[in-house]
């Protein structure tokens, strides 16, 4: 099995960059890419664990259909990483199992 990332992002000279944090690690990534693309480009594959069995799960479709890329973004759980563009200062965490109903029902939309 390879230990290198199979996903890369090309950065053009002068392209705006933003800072994000994932599990305590800080990264500079091109503005406008998805959270999933940013994390995959730095070799992070497991974004969440399954509800049953706590099996690591990774993005699959990259177009918002499969929901395998769910992460917690700025304290809000169950966000689709493939459909959410990065923004400066974003704090991303892995999602472990199912989010609580209280967290989902907060009404916050980001």
PDB file of N, CA and C in Angstrom:
ATOM      1  N   UNK A   1       0.852  -1.172   0.000  1.00  0.00           N
ATOM      2  CA  UNK A   1       0.000   0.000   0.000  1.00  0.00           C
ATOM      3  C   UNK A   1       0.895   1.232   0.000  1.00  0.00           C
ATOM      4  N   UNK A   2       0.529   2.230  -0.797  1.00  0.00           N
ATOM      5  CA  UNK A   2       1.315   3.456  -0.875  1.00  0.00           C
ATOM      6  C   UNK A   2       1.153   4.310   0.380  1.00  0.00           C
ATOM      7  N   UNK A   3       2.183   5.051   0.706  1.00  0.00           N
ATOM      8  CA  UNK A   3       2.100   5.963   1.845  1.00  0.00           C
ATOM      9  C   UNK A   3       2.019   7.405   1.375  1.00  0.00           C
ATOM     10  N   UNK A   4       1.995   7.612   0.060  1.00  0.00           N
ATOM     11  CA  UNK A   4       1.893   8.950  -0.500  1.00  0.00           C
ATOM     12  C   UNK A   4       0.442   9.269  -0.826  1.00  0.00           C
ATOM     13  N   UNK A   5       0.115  10.566  -0.791  1.00  0.00           N
ATOM     14  CA  UNK A   5      -1.236  10.958  -1.157  1.00  0.00           C
ATOM     15  C   UNK A   5      -1.448  10.738  -2.649  1.00  0.00           C
ATOM     16  N   UNK A   6      -2.630  10.295  -3.004  1.00  0.00           N
ATOM     17  CA  UNK A   6      -2.975  10.072  -4.401  1.00  0.00           C
ATOM     18  C   UNK A   6      -3.773  11.243  -4.962  1.00  0.00           C
ATOM     19  N   UNK A   7      -3.917  12.287  -4.183  1.00  0.00           N
ATOM     20  CA  UNK A   7      -4.736  13.439  -4.545  1.00  0.00           C
ATOM     21  C   UNK A   7      -3.874  14.684  -4.411  1.00  0.00           C
ATOM     22  N   UNK A   8      -3.801  15.485  -5.444  1.00  0.00           N
ATOM     23  CA  UNK A   8      -2.989  16.701  -5.349  1.00  0.00           C
ATOM     24  C   UNK A   8      -3.747  17.894  -5.929  1.00  0.00           C
ATOM     25  N   UNK A   9      -3.329  19.062  -5.516  1.00  0.00           N
ATOM     26  CA  UNK A   9      -3.934  20.311  -5.969  1.00  0.00           C
ATOM     27  C   UNK A   9      -2.814  21.168  -6.536  1.00  0.00           C
ATOM     28  N   UNK A  10      -3.035  21.705  -7.715  1.00  0.00           N
ATOM     29  CA  UNK A  10      -2.022  22.611  -8.263  1.00  0.00           C
ATOM     30  C   UNK A  10      -2.358  24.032  -7.827  1.00  0.00           C
ATOM     31  N   UNK A  11      -1.330  24.755  -7.422  1.00  0.00           N
ATOM     32  CA  UNK A  11      -1.488  26.133  -6.969  1.00  0.00           C
ATOM     33  C   UNK A  11      -0.824  27.039  -7.994  1.00  0.00           C
ATOM     34  N   UNK A  12      -1.590  27.987  -8.495  1.00  0.00           N
ATOM     35  CA  UNK A  12      -1.083  28.927  -9.486  1.00  0.00           C
ATOM     36  C   UNK A  12      -0.409  30.105  -8.788  1.00  0.00           C
ATOM     37  N   UNK A  13       0.624  30.681  -9.379  1.00  0.00           N
ATOM     38  CA  UNK A  13       1.265  31.859  -8.789  1.00  0.00           C
ATOM     39  C   UNK A  13       0.243  32.978  -8.582  1.00  0.00           C
ATOM     40  N   UNK A  14       0.265  33.559  -7.404  1.00  0.00           N
ATOM     41  CA  UNK A  14      -0.643  34.651  -7.070  1.00  0.00           C
ATOM     42  C   UNK A  14      -2.031  34.222  -6.651  1.00  0.00           C
ATOM     43  N   UNK A  15      -2.288  32.917  -6.652  1.00  0.00           N
ATOM     44  CA  UNK A  15      -3.615  32.424  -6.262  1.00  0.00           C
ATOM     45  C   UNK A  15      -3.835  32.699  -4.778  1.00  0.00           C
ATOM     46  N   UNK A  16      -5.006  33.227  -4.400  1.00  0.00           N
ATOM     47  CA  UNK A  16      -5.271  33.482  -2.981  1.00  0.00           C
ATOM     48  C   UNK A  16      -5.270  32.185  -2.172  1.00  0.00           C
ATOM     49  N   UNK A  17      -4.712  32.248  -0.988  1.00  0.00           N
ATOM     50  CA  UNK A  17      -4.635  31.095  -0.094  1.00  0.00           C
ATOM     51  C   UNK A  17      -5.373  31.421   1.195  1.00  0.00           C
ATOM     52  N   UNK A  18      -5.866  30.387   1.865  1.00  0.00           N
ATOM     53  CA  UNK A  18      -6.520  30.536   3.158  1.00  0.00           C
ATOM     54  C   UNK A  18      -5.914  29.546   4.134  1.00  0.00           C
ATOM     55  N   UNK A  19      -6.050  29.826   5.421  1.00  0.00           N
ATOM     56  CA  UNK A  19      -5.564  28.927   6.453  1.00  0.00           C
ATOM     57  C   UNK A  19      -6.707  28.150   7.069  1.00  0.00           C
ATOM     58  N   UNK A  20      -6.541  26.837   7.159  1.00  0.00           N
ATOM     59  CA  UNK A  20      -7.533  25.984   7.812  1.00  0.00           C
ATOM     60  C   UNK A  20      -6.822  25.131   8.855  1.00  0.00           C
ATOM     61  N   UNK A  21      -7.605  24.589   9.769  1.00  0.00           N
ATOM     62  CA  UNK A  21      -7.072  23.688  10.791  1.00  0.00           C
ATOM     63  C   UNK A  21      -7.846  22.389  10.746  1.00  0.00           C
ATOM     64  N   UNK A  22      -7.119  21.267  10.771  1.00  0.00           N
ATOM     65  CA  UNK A  22      -7.750  19.949  10.828  1.00  0.00           C
ATOM     66  C   UNK A  22      -7.093  19.152  11.932  1.00  0.00           C
ATOM     67  N   UNK A  23      -7.877  18.787  12.934  1.00  0.00           N
ATOM     68  CA  UNK A  23      -7.377  17.980  14.053  1.00  0.00           C
ATOM     69  C   UNK A  23      -6.091  18.567  14.641  1.00  0.00           C
ATOM     70  N   UNK A  24      -6.046  19.900  14.770  1.00  0.00           N
ATOM     71  CA  UNK A  24      -4.904  20.579  15.376  1.00  0.00           C
ATOM     72  C   UNK A  24      -3.771  20.912  14.420  1.00  0.00           C
ATOM     73  N   UNK A  25      -3.806  20.407  13.184  1.00  0.00           N
ATOM     74  CA  UNK A  25      -2.788  20.731  12.182  1.00  0.00           C
ATOM     75  C   UNK A  25      -3.255  21.917  11.352  1.00  0.00           C
ATOM     76  N   UNK A  26      -2.337  22.826  11.056  1.00  0.00           N
ATOM     77  CA  UNK A  26      -2.660  24.015  10.266  1.00  0.00           C
ATOM     78  C   UNK A  26      -2.136  23.846   8.848  1.00  0.00           C
ATOM     79  N   UNK A  27      -2.961  24.251   7.877  1.00  0.00           N
ATOM     80  CA  UNK A  27      -2.613  24.133   6.465  1.00  0.00           C
ATOM     81  C   UNK A  27      -2.953  25.420   5.729  1.00  0.00           C
ATOM     82  N   UNK A  28      -2.210  25.711   4.678  1.00  0.00           N
ATOM     83  CA  UNK A  28      -2.533  26.793   3.745  1.00  0.00           C
ATOM     84  C   UNK A  28      -2.988  26.114   2.459  1.00  0.00           C
ATOM     85  N   UNK A  29      -4.177  26.475   2.012  1.00  0.00           N
ATOM     86  CA  UNK A  29      -4.758  25.843   0.832  1.00  0.00           C
ATOM     87  C   UNK A  29      -5.326  26.926  -0.085  1.00  0.00           C
ATOM     88  N   UNK A  30      -5.483  26.607  -1.365  1.00  0.00           N
ATOM     89  CA  UNK A  30      -6.065  27.587  -2.289  1.00  0.00           C
ATOM     90  C   UNK A  30      -7.503  27.924  -1.909  1.00  0.00           C
ATOM     91  N   UNK A  31      -7.835  29.193  -1.949  1.00  0.00           N
ATOM     92  CA  UNK A  31      -9.204  29.624  -1.673  1.00  0.00           C
ATOM     93  C   UNK A  31     -10.139  29.023  -2.714  1.00  0.00           C
ATOM     94  N   UNK A  32     -11.335  28.620  -2.276  1.00  0.00           N
ATOM     95  CA  UNK A  32     -12.350  28.138  -3.192  1.00  0.00           C
ATOM     96  C   UNK A  32     -12.415  26.641  -3.395  1.00  0.00           C
ATOM     97  N   UNK A  33     -11.394  25.892  -2.962  1.00  0.00           N
ATOM     98  CA  UNK A  33     -11.482  24.438  -3.106  1.00  0.00           C
ATOM     99  C   UNK A  33     -12.356  23.886  -1.988  1.00  0.00           C
ATOM    100  N   UNK A  34     -12.775  22.643  -2.122  1.00  0.00           N
ATOM    101  CA  UNK A  34     -13.623  22.039  -1.090  1.00  0.00           C
ATOM    102  C   UNK A  34     -12.779  21.579   0.099  1.00  0.00           C
ATOM    103  N   UNK A  35     -13.437  21.449   1.231  1.00  0.00           N
ATOM    104  CA  UNK A  35     -12.786  20.924   2.433  1.00  0.00           C
ATOM    105  C   UNK A  35     -12.220  19.531   2.143  1.00  0.00           C
ATOM    106  N   UNK A  36     -12.996  18.690   1.466  1.00  0.00           N
ATOM    107  CA  UNK A  36     -12.534  17.329   1.158  1.00  0.00           C
ATOM    108  C   UNK A  36     -11.284  17.354   0.291  1.00  0.00           C
ATOM    109  N   UNK A  37     -11.266  18.183  -0.738  1.00  0.00           N
ATOM    110  CA  UNK A  37     -10.087  18.267  -1.608  1.00  0.00           C
ATOM    111  C   UNK A  37      -8.869  18.743  -0.828  1.00  0.00           C
ATOM    112  N   UNK A  38      -9.064  19.716   0.042  1.00  0.00           N
ATOM    113  CA  UNK A  38      -7.950  20.228   0.844  1.00  0.00           C
ATOM    114  C   UNK A  38      -7.377  19.135   1.744  1.00  0.00           C
ATOM    115  N   UNK A  39      -8.235  18.417   2.447  1.00  0.00           N
ATOM    116  CA  UNK A  39      -7.760  17.385   3.367  1.00  0.00           C
ATOM    117  C   UNK A  39      -7.124  16.221   2.629  1.00  0.00           C
ATOM    118  N   UNK A  40      -7.717  15.808   1.520  1.00  0.00           N
ATOM    119  CA  UNK A  40      -7.140  14.722   0.740  1.00  0.00           C
ATOM    120  C   UNK A  40      -5.763  15.101   0.196  1.00  0.00           C
ATOM    121  N   UNK A  41      -5.587  16.363  -0.181  1.00  0.00           N
ATOM    122  CA  UNK A  41      -4.299  16.780  -0.740  1.00  0.00           C
ATOM    123  C   UNK A  41      -3.177  16.727   0.287  1.00  0.00           C
ATOM    124  N   UNK A  42      -3.512  16.745   1.567  1.00  0.00           N
ATOM    125  CA  UNK A  42      -2.506  16.630   2.621  1.00  0.00           C
ATOM    126  C   UNK A  42      -2.432  15.217   3.191  1.00  0.00           C
ATOM    127  N   UNK A  43      -3.046  14.267   2.494  1.00  0.00           N
ATOM    128  CA  UNK A  43      -2.921  12.863   2.873  1.00  0.00           C
ATOM    129  C   UNK A  43      -3.887  12.393   3.936  1.00  0.00           C
ATOM    130  N   UNK A  44      -4.883  13.199   4.269  1.00  0.00           N
ATOM    131  CA  UNK A  44      -5.880  12.777   5.262  1.00  0.00           C
ATOM    132  C   UNK A  44      -7.017  12.079   4.530  1.00  0.00           C
ATOM    133  N   UNK A  45      -7.219  10.793   4.818  1.00  0.00           N
ATOM    134  CA  UNK A  45      -8.250  10.037   4.127  1.00  0.00           C
ATOM    135  C   UNK A  45      -9.463   9.763   4.975  1.00  0.00           C
ATOM    136  N   UNK A  46      -9.280   9.431   6.238  1.00  0.00           N
ATOM    137  CA  UNK A  46     -10.409   9.107   7.113  1.00  0.00           C
ATOM    138  C   UNK A  46     -10.983  10.389   7.696  1.00  0.00           C
ATOM    139  N   UNK A  47     -12.181  10.745   7.253  1.00  0.00           N
ATOM    140  CA  UNK A  47     -12.828  11.978   7.708  1.00  0.00           C
ATOM    141  C   UNK A  47     -13.777  11.731   8.869  1.00  0.00           C
ATOM    142  N   UNK A  48     -14.296  10.523   8.959  1.00  0.00           N
ATOM    143  CA  UNK A  48     -15.271  10.206  10.005  1.00  0.00           C
ATOM    144  C   UNK A  48     -15.193   8.730  10.316  1.00  0.00           C
ATOM    145  N   UNK A  49     -15.935   8.312  11.339  1.00  0.00           N
ATOM    146  CA  UNK A  49     -16.104   6.887  11.611  1.00  0.00           C
ATOM    147  C   UNK A  49     -17.580   6.566  11.467  1.00  0.00           C
ATOM    148  N   UNK A  50     -17.857   5.337  11.055  1.00  0.00           N
ATOM    149  CA  UNK A  50     -19.239   4.921  10.838  1.00  0.00           C
ATOM    150  C   UNK A  50     -20.002   4.860  12.154  1.00  0.00           C
ATOM    151  N   UNK A  51     -21.314   4.944  12.046  1.00  0.00           N
ATOM    152  CA  UNK A  51     -22.175   4.903  13.225  1.00  0.00           C
ATOM    153  C   UNK A  51     -22.117   3.527  13.876  1.00  0.00           C
ATOM    154  N   UNK A  52     -22.105   2.483  13.051  1.00  0.00           N
ATOM    155  CA  UNK A  52     -22.027   1.114  13.554  1.00  0.00           C
ATOM    156  C   UNK A  52     -20.611   0.595  13.318  1.00  0.00           C
ATOM    157  N   UNK A  53     -19.936   0.237  14.376  1.00  0.00           N
ATOM    158  CA  UNK A  53     -18.616  -0.363  14.260  1.00  0.00           C
ATOM    159  C   UNK A  53     -17.442   0.596  14.265  1.00  0.00           C
ATOM    160  N   UNK A  54     -17.689   1.899  14.202  1.00  0.00           N
ATOM    161  CA  UNK A  54     -16.627   2.920  14.213  1.00  0.00           C
ATOM    162  C   UNK A  54     -15.555   2.672  13.151  1.00  0.00           C
ATOM    163  N   UNK A  55     -15.988   2.269  11.963  1.00  0.00           N
ATOM    164  CA  UNK A  55     -15.073   2.006  10.856  1.00  0.00           C
ATOM    165  C   UNK A  55     -14.694   3.330  10.196  1.00  0.00           C
ATOM    166  N   UNK A  56     -13.401   3.563   9.928  1.00  0.00           N
ATOM    167  CA  UNK A  56     -13.003   4.810   9.254  1.00  0.00           C
ATOM    168  C   UNK A  56     -13.645   4.916   7.866  1.00  0.00           C
ATOM    169  N   UNK A  57     -14.119   6.112   7.540  1.00  0.00           N
ATOM    170  CA  UNK A  57     -14.761   6.359   6.249  1.00  0.00           C
ATOM    171  C   UNK A  57     -14.058   7.534   5.572  1.00  0.00           C
ATOM    172  N   UNK A  58     -14.011   7.500   4.248  1.00  0.00           N
ATOM    173  CA  UNK A  58     -13.347   8.534   3.457  1.00  0.00           C
ATOM    174  C   UNK A  58     -14.271   9.002   2.340  1.00  0.00           C
ATOM    175  N   UNK A  59     -14.001  10.170   1.762  1.00  0.00           N
ATOM    176  CA  UNK A  59     -14.813  10.643   0.638  1.00  0.00           C
ATOM    177  C   UNK A  59     -14.841   9.608  -0.482  1.00  0.00           C
ATOM    178  N   UNK A  60     -15.967   9.521  -1.139  1.00  0.00           N
ATOM    179  CA  UNK A  60     -16.126   8.546  -2.206  1.00  0.00           C
ATOM    180  C   UNK A  60     -16.518   9.222  -3.522  1.00  0.00           C
ATOM    181  N   UNK A  61     -17.644   9.925  -3.524  1.00  0.00           N
ATOM    182  CA  UNK A  61     -18.148  10.447  -4.794  1.00  0.00           C
ATOM    183  C   UNK A  61     -17.654  11.862  -5.109  1.00  0.00           C
ATOM    184  N   UNK A  62     -17.337  12.649  -4.108  1.00  0.00           N
ATOM    185  CA  UNK A  62     -16.876  14.033  -4.260  1.00  0.00           C
ATOM    186  C   UNK A  62     -17.903  14.927  -4.971  1.00  0.00           C
ATOM    187  N   UNK A  63     -19.187  14.555  -4.917  1.00  0.00           N
ATOM    188  CA  UNK A  63     -20.214  15.397  -5.529  1.00  0.00           C
ATOM    189  C   UNK A  63     -21.495  15.473  -4.690  1.00  0.00           C
ATOM    190  N   UNK A  64     -21.399  15.140  -3.402  1.00  0.00           N
ATOM    191  CA  UNK A  64     -22.513  15.342  -2.493  1.00  0.00           C
ATOM    192  C   UNK A  64     -23.574  14.277  -2.447  1.00  0.00           C
ATOM    193  N   UNK A  65     -23.323  13.122  -3.028  1.00  0.00           N
ATOM    194  CA  UNK A  65     -24.340  12.071  -3.071  1.00  0.00           C
ATOM    195  C   UNK A  65     -24.177  11.057  -1.945  1.00  0.00           C
ATOM    196  N   UNK A  66     -22.951  10.646  -1.640  1.00  0.00           N
ATOM    197  CA  UNK A  66     -22.739   9.486  -0.764  1.00  0.00           C
ATOM    198  C   UNK A  66     -22.662   9.808   0.732  1.00  0.00           C
ATOM    199  N   UNK A  67     -22.369  11.023   1.126  1.00  0.00           N
ATOM    200  CA  UNK A  67     -22.273  11.451   2.525  1.00  0.00           C
ATOM    201  C   UNK A  67     -21.164  10.745   3.313  1.00  0.00           C
ATOM    202  N   UNK A  68     -20.152  10.243   2.630  1.00  0.00           N
ATOM    203  CA  UNK A  68     -19.020   9.609   3.309  1.00  0.00           C
ATOM    204  C   UNK A  68     -18.019  10.636   3.834  1.00  0.00           C
ATOM    205  N   UNK A  69     -18.137  11.872   3.395  1.00  0.00           N
ATOM    206  CA  UNK A  69     -17.157  12.912   3.742  1.00  0.00           C
ATOM    207  C   UNK A  69     -17.615  13.807   4.893  1.00  0.00           C
ATOM    208  N   UNK A  70     -18.559  13.351   5.706  1.00  0.00           N
ATOM    209  CA  UNK A  70     -19.079  14.194   6.784  1.00  0.00           C
ATOM    210  C   UNK A  70     -17.995  14.530   7.804  1.00  0.00           C
ATOM    211  N   UNK A  71     -17.906  15.820   8.136  1.00  0.00           N
ATOM    212  CA  UNK A  71     -16.956  16.322   9.118  1.00  0.00           C
ATOM    213  C   UNK A  71     -17.660  17.352   9.994  1.00  0.00           C
ATOM    214  N   UNK A  72     -17.012  17.702  11.088  1.00  0.00           N
ATOM    215  CA  UNK A  72     -17.484  18.795  11.930  1.00  0.00           C
ATOM    216  C   UNK A  72     -16.720  20.044  11.506  1.00  0.00           C
ATOM    217  N   UNK A  73     -17.435  21.110  11.182  1.00  0.00           N
ATOM    218  CA  UNK A  73     -16.806  22.361  10.764  1.00  0.00           C
ATOM    219  C   UNK A  73     -17.239  23.459  11.717  1.00  0.00           C
ATOM    220  N   UNK A  74     -16.261  24.071  12.364  1.00  0.00           N
ATOM    221  CA  UNK A  74     -16.515  25.154  13.324  1.00  0.00           C
ATOM    222  C   UNK A  74     -17.582  24.776  14.335  1.00  0.00           C
ATOM    223  N   UNK A  75     -17.535  23.537  14.803  1.00  0.00           N
ATOM    224  CA  UNK A  75     -18.447  23.062  15.835  1.00  0.00           C
ATOM    225  C   UNK A  75     -19.767  22.517  15.337  1.00  0.00           C
ATOM    226  N   UNK A  76     -20.038  22.611  14.051  1.00  0.00           N
ATOM    227  CA  UNK A  76     -21.284  22.092  13.495  1.00  0.00           C
ATOM    228  C   UNK A  76     -21.019  20.734  12.858  1.00  0.00           C
ATOM    229  N   UNK A  77     -21.677  19.667  13.369  1.00  0.00           N
ATOM    230  CA  UNK A  77     -21.431  18.316  12.828  1.00  0.00           C
ATOM    231  C   UNK A  77     -22.168  18.079  11.523  1.00  0.00           C
ATOM    232  N   UNK A  78     -21.835  16.957  10.892  1.00  0.00           N
ATOM    233  CA  UNK A  78     -22.524  16.441   9.709  1.00  0.00           C
ATOM    234  C   UNK A  78     -22.484  17.398   8.521  1.00  0.00           C
ATOM    235  N   UNK A  79     -21.364  18.048   8.317  1.00  0.00           N
ATOM    236  CA  UNK A  79     -21.179  18.918   7.154  1.00  0.00           C
ATOM    237  C   UNK A  79     -20.508  18.107   6.052  1.00  0.00           C
ATOM    238  N   UNK A  80     -20.969  18.230   4.848  1.00  0.00           N
ATOM    239  CA  UNK A  80     -20.377  17.512   3.719  1.00  0.00           C
ATOM    240  C   UNK A  80     -19.102  18.232   3.279  1.00  0.00           C
ATOM    241  N   UNK A  81     -17.970  17.577   3.505  1.00  0.00           N
ATOM    242  CA  UNK A  81     -16.688  18.178   3.154  1.00  0.00           C
ATOM    243  C   UNK A  81     -16.523  18.430   1.672  1.00  0.00           C
ATOM    244  N   UNK A  82     -17.128  17.587   0.837  1.00  0.00           N
ATOM    245  CA  UNK A  82     -16.966  17.747  -0.612  1.00  0.00           C
ATOM    246  C   UNK A  82     -17.788  18.901  -1.162  1.00  0.00           C
ATOM    247  N   UNK A  83     -18.780  19.370  -0.414  1.00  0.00           N
ATOM    248  CA  UNK A  83     -19.662  20.429  -0.891  1.00  0.00           C
ATOM    249  C   UNK A  83     -19.416  21.762  -0.183  1.00  0.00           C
ATOM    250  N   UNK A  84     -18.470  21.789   0.744  1.00  0.00           N
ATOM    251  CA  UNK A  84     -18.211  22.988   1.532  1.00  0.00           C
ATOM    252  C   UNK A  84     -16.887  23.609   1.126  1.00  0.00           C
ATOM    253  N   UNK A  85     -16.897  24.849   0.612  1.00  0.00           N
ATOM    254  CA  UNK A  85     -15.636  25.488   0.263  1.00  0.00           C
ATOM    255  C   UNK A  85     -14.872  25.915   1.510  1.00  0.00           C
ATOM    256  N   UNK A  86     -13.548  25.844   1.431  1.00  0.00           N
ATOM    257  CA  UNK A  86     -12.727  26.279   2.564  1.00  0.00           C
ATOM    258  C   UNK A  86     -12.853  27.787   2.724  1.00  0.00           C
ATOM    259  N   UNK A  87     -12.652  28.247   3.945  1.00  0.00           N
ATOM    260  CA  UNK A  87     -12.551  29.682   4.199  1.00  0.00           C
ATOM    261  C   UNK A  87     -11.528  29.894   5.297  1.00  0.00           C
ATOM    262  N   UNK A  88     -10.959  31.056   5.307  1.00  0.00           N
ATOM    263  CA  UNK A  88      -9.884  31.353   6.243  1.00  0.00           C
ATOM    264  C   UNK A  88     -10.339  31.176   7.690  1.00  0.00           C
ATOM    265  N   UNK A  89      -9.544  30.471   8.475  1.00  0.00           N
ATOM    266  CA  UNK A  89      -9.824  30.266   9.890  1.00  0.00           C
ATOM    267  C   UNK A  89     -10.724  29.091  10.206  1.00  0.00           C
ATOM    268  N   UNK A  90     -11.142  28.351   9.212  1.00  0.00           N
ATOM    269  CA  UNK A  90     -12.050  27.217   9.401  1.00  0.00           C
ATOM    270  C   UNK A  90     -11.382  26.148  10.275  1.00  0.00           C
ATOM    271  N   UNK A  91     -12.130  25.637  11.249  1.00  0.00           N
ATOM    272  CA  UNK A  91     -11.640  24.561  12.115  1.00  0.00           C
ATOM    273  C   UNK A  91     -12.451  23.309  11.811  1.00  0.00           C
ATOM    274  N   UNK A  92     -11.743  22.271  11.390  1.00  0.00           N
ATOM    275  CA  UNK A  92     -12.376  21.034  10.940  1.00  0.00           C
ATOM    276  C   UNK A  92     -11.939  19.894  11.841  1.00  0.00           C
ATOM    277  N   UNK A  93     -12.895  19.047  12.209  1.00  0.00           N
ATOM    278  CA  UNK A  93     -12.587  17.874  13.018  1.00  0.00           C
ATOM    279  C   UNK A  93     -13.253  16.645  12.390  1.00  0.00           C
ATOM    280  N   UNK A  94     -12.663  15.486  12.668  1.00  0.00           N
ATOM    281  CA  UNK A  94     -13.294  14.234  12.241  1.00  0.00           C
ATOM    282  C   UNK A  94     -14.609  14.072  12.991  1.00  0.00           C
ATOM    283  N   UNK A  95     -15.559  13.442  12.349  1.00  0.00           N
ATOM    284  CA  UNK A  95     -16.830  13.149  13.004  1.00  0.00           C
ATOM    285  C   UNK A  95     -16.797  11.705  13.461  1.00  0.00           C
ATOM    286  N   UNK A  96     -17.048  11.494  14.738  1.00  0.00           N
ATOM    287  CA  UNK A  96     -17.061  10.144  15.296  1.00  0.00           C
ATOM    288  C   UNK A  96     -18.497   9.688  15.482  1.00  0.00           C
ATOM    289  N   UNK A  97     -18.896   8.710  14.679  1.00  0.00           N
ATOM    290  CA  UNK A  97     -20.252   8.178  14.791  1.00  0.00           C
ATOM    291  C   UNK A  97     -21.307   9.193  14.411  1.00  0.00           C
ATOM    292  N   UNK A  98     -22.463   9.059  15.011  1.00  0.00           N
ATOM    293  CA  UNK A  98     -23.590   9.947  14.706  1.00  0.00           C
ATOM    294  C   UNK A  98     -23.520  11.204  15.566  1.00  0.00           C
ATOM    295  N   UNK A  99     -23.842  12.353  14.994  1.00  0.00           N
ATOM    296  CA  UNK A  99     -23.905  13.570  15.801  1.00  0.00           C
ATOM    297  C   UNK A  99     -25.145  13.543  16.685  1.00  0.00           C
ATOM    298  N   UNK A 100     -25.115  14.295  17.775  1.00  0.00           N
ATOM    299  CA  UNK A 100     -26.287  14.348  18.650  1.00  0.00           C
ATOM    300  C   UNK A 100     -27.398  15.137  17.964  1.00  0.00           C
ATOM    301  N   UNK A 101     -28.633  14.833  18.310  1.00  0.00           N
ATOM    302  CA  UNK A 101     -29.769  15.561  17.747  1.00  0.00           C
ATOM    303  C   UNK A 101     -29.721  17.029  18.155  1.00  0.00           C
ATOM    304  N   UNK A 102     -29.251  17.300  19.365  1.00  0.00           N
ATOM    305  CA  UNK A 102     -29.154  18.691  19.819  1.00  0.00           C
ATOM    306  C   UNK A 102     -28.196  19.479  18.933  1.00  0.00           C
ATOM    307  N   UNK A 103     -27.077  18.871  18.571  1.00  0.00           N
ATOM    308  CA  UNK A 103     -26.099  19.550  17.724  1.00  0.00           C
ATOM    309  C   UNK A 103     -26.663  19.790  16.330  1.00  0.00           C
ATOM    310  N   UNK A 104     -27.419  18.836  15.815  1.00  0.00           N
ATOM    311  CA  UNK A 104     -28.013  18.995  14.490  1.00  0.00           C
ATOM    312  C   UNK A 104     -29.169  19.987  14.500  1.00  0.00           C
ATOM    313  N   UNK A 105     -29.886  20.075  15.612  1.00  0.00           N
ATOM    314  CA  UNK A 105     -31.054  20.938  15.695  1.00  0.00           C
ATOM    315  C   UNK A 105     -30.772  22.353  16.148  1.00  0.00           C
ATOM    316  N   UNK A 106     -29.504  22.761  16.153  1.00  0.00           N
ATOM    317  CA  UNK A 106     -29.161  24.099  16.639  1.00  0.00           C
ATOM    318  C   UNK A 106     -29.679  25.183  15.719  1.00  0.00           C
ATOM    319  N   UNK A 107     -29.996  24.824  14.460  1.00  0.00           N
ATOM    320  CA  UNK A 107     -30.524  25.802  13.524  1.00  0.00           C
ATOM    321  C   UNK A 107     -29.464  26.660  12.870  1.00  0.00           C
ATOM    322  N   UNK A 108     -28.197  26.451  13.220  1.00  0.00           N
ATOM    323  CA  UNK A 108     -27.130  27.237  12.629  1.00  0.00           C
ATOM    324  C   UNK A 108     -26.864  26.765  11.210  1.00  0.00           C
ATOM    325  N   UNK A 109     -26.828  27.694  10.310  1.00  0.00           N
ATOM    326  CA  UNK A 109     -26.501  27.384   8.917  1.00  0.00           C
ATOM    327  C   UNK A 109     -25.233  28.121   8.582  1.00  0.00           C
ATOM    328  N   UNK A 110     -24.275  27.375   8.041  1.00  0.00           N
ATOM    329  CA  UNK A 110     -23.004  28.019   7.689  1.00  0.00           C
ATOM    330  C   UNK A 110     -22.762  27.910   6.226  1.00  0.00           C
TER     331      UNK A 110
END
